[in-house]
Amino acid sequence: MGDMDNPQNGLKSCFRRSDCARNQNCGPLSPDWGLSSVQARILEGVAAGFSSGRLSREMYLSSKTIDYHVRVMSEKLQAPNRVALVSRAYALNILITESWPPRVACEAVD
């Protein structure tokens, strides 16, 4: 089991959890911001400070694939870098503010 699925660090994506943000009162999200389940996991990892290399090892994807998804999400949210991407995701309620490690709101996952 990789660190992303380790219960101690809590980086299980909400699309696999019963206690997701759907049960909380989060604002509605635009359909344009919908993330795939892979992008949701990547965003959670980026928000937790993981590098593309670490995410690629944890998710069994190439680092170029990770970087591609980060770029696509950055373009969707008009964020120039990873820090801005995470900040925008929190501001738009894509990432849950009451959670550490970071979790994506279920409404944000297509």
Protein backbone atom coordinates (compact mmCIF):
# COMPACT_ATOMS: atom_id res chain seq x y z
CA MET A 1 0.00 0.00 0.00
CA GLY A 2 1.43 3.39 -1.01
CA ASP A 3 1.45 6.54 1.11
CA MET A 4 -1.52 7.98 -0.81
CA ASP A 5 -3.75 5.20 0.56
CA ASN A 6 -2.16 5.05 4.00
CA PRO A 7 -4.83 5.71 6.67
CA GLN A 8 -2.20 7.43 8.82
CA ASN A 9 -1.71 10.25 6.34
CA GLY A 10 -5.38 10.20 5.29
CA LEU A 11 -4.84 10.81 1.58
CA LYS A 12 -7.65 8.59 0.39
CA SER A 13 -9.64 10.41 -2.22
CA CYS A 14 -13.21 11.34 -1.41
CA PHE A 15 -14.61 9.43 -4.37
CA ARG A 16 -13.82 6.28 -2.37
CA ARG A 17 -14.98 7.53 1.03
CA SER A 18 -18.39 7.51 2.66
CA ASP A 19 -17.60 10.63 4.74
CA CYS A 20 -17.12 12.89 1.74
CA ALA A 21 -18.00 16.55 1.57
CA ARG A 22 -21.31 15.74 -0.13
CA ASN A 23 -22.72 15.49 3.40
CA GLN A 24 -21.43 19.00 4.21
CA ASN A 25 -22.90 22.25 2.98
CA CYS A 26 -20.39 23.22 0.32
CA GLY A 27 -21.32 25.72 -2.37
CA PRO A 28 -22.21 24.49 -5.84
CA LEU A 29 -19.42 24.04 -8.34
CA SER A 30 -19.41 24.90 -12.00
CA PRO A 31 -19.44 21.85 -14.30
CA ASP A 32 -16.32 23.30 -15.94
CA TRP A 33 -14.37 22.56 -12.75
CA GLY A 34 -15.25 18.88 -12.62
CA LEU A 35 -12.20 16.74 -12.00
CA SER A 36 -11.61 13.13 -12.94
CA SER A 37 -10.91 10.75 -10.08
CA VAL A 38 -7.23 10.74 -11.09
CA GLN A 39 -7.10 14.54 -11.09
CA ALA A 40 -8.78 14.61 -7.68
CA ARG A 41 -6.08 12.34 -6.23
CA ILE A 42 -3.35 14.40 -7.88
CA LEU A 43 -4.80 17.65 -6.53
CA GLU A 44 -4.95 16.17 -3.03
CA GLY A 45 -1.31 15.15 -3.34
CA VAL A 46 -0.21 18.53 -4.69
CA ALA A 47 -2.07 20.25 -1.85
CA ALA A 48 -0.26 17.98 0.62
CA GLY A 49 3.07 19.06 -0.89
CA PHE A 50 3.93 15.92 -2.84
CA SER A 51 6.23 16.26 -5.83
CA SER A 52 5.33 14.90 -9.27
CA GLY A 53 7.91 12.17 -8.74
CA ARG A 54 6.36 11.02 -5.47
CA LEU A 55 2.84 11.17 -6.91
CA SER A 56 3.96 9.17 -9.95
CA ARG A 57 5.40 6.45 -7.70
CA GLU A 58 2.31 6.37 -5.47
CA MET A 59 -0.17 6.34 -8.35
CA TYR A 60 1.84 4.19 -10.79
CA LEU A 61 1.75 6.92 -13.45
CA SER A 62 4.62 8.67 -15.18
CA SER A 63 5.71 12.04 -13.81
CA LYS A 64 4.87 13.52 -17.23
CA THR A 65 1.29 12.29 -16.80
CA ILE A 66 1.15 13.89 -13.36
CA ASP A 67 2.51 17.16 -14.78
CA TYR A 68 -0.03 17.00 -17.62
CA HIS A 69 -2.93 16.71 -15.18
CA VAL A 70 -1.54 19.51 -13.01
CA ARG A 71 -1.31 21.69 -16.13
CA VAL A 72 -4.89 20.84 -17.19
CA MET A 73 -6.22 21.64 -13.71
CA SER A 74 -4.18 24.86 -13.61
CA GLU A 75 -5.67 25.93 -16.94
CA LYS A 76 -9.22 25.11 -15.75
CA LEU A 77 -8.73 27.20 -12.62
CA GLN A 78 -6.58 29.86 -14.30
CA ALA A 79 -3.73 29.26 -11.88
CA PRO A 80 -0.15 30.06 -12.98
CA ASN A 81 1.55 27.55 -10.63
CA ARG A 82 0.93 24.78 -8.07
CA VAL A 83 0.59 27.15 -5.12
CA ALA A 84 -2.03 29.19 -6.97
CA LEU A 85 -3.77 25.98 -8.06
CA VAL A 86 -4.16 24.82 -4.46
CA SER A 87 -5.20 28.29 -3.32
CA ARG A 88 -7.87 28.53 -6.05
CA ALA A 89 -9.09 25.01 -5.25
CA TYR A 90 -9.63 26.01 -1.61
CA ALA A 91 -11.26 29.31 -2.57
CA LEU A 92 -13.69 27.50 -4.90
CA ASN A 93 -14.51 24.79 -2.32
CA ILE A 94 -12.94 22.11 -4.49
CA LEU A 95 -10.68 21.23 -1.57
CA ILE A 96 -12.33 20.91 1.84
CA THR A 97 -11.04 23.53 4.27
CA GLU A 98 -11.78 21.52 7.44
CA SER A 99 -9.65 18.57 6.36
CA TRP A 100 -6.01 17.67 6.74
CA PRO A 101 -4.55 16.02 4.81
CA PRO A 102 -6.34 17.75 1.94
CA ARG A 103 -9.42 16.13 0.43
CA VAL A 104 -11.38 17.03 -2.68
CA ALA A 105 -15.10 17.69 -2.26
CA CYS A 106 -17.12 14.91 -3.88
CA GLU A 107 -19.10 17.43 -5.90
CA ALA A 108 -15.88 18.36 -7.72
CA VAL A 109 -15.36 14.84 -9.07
CA ASP A 110 -17.08 13.84 -12.31
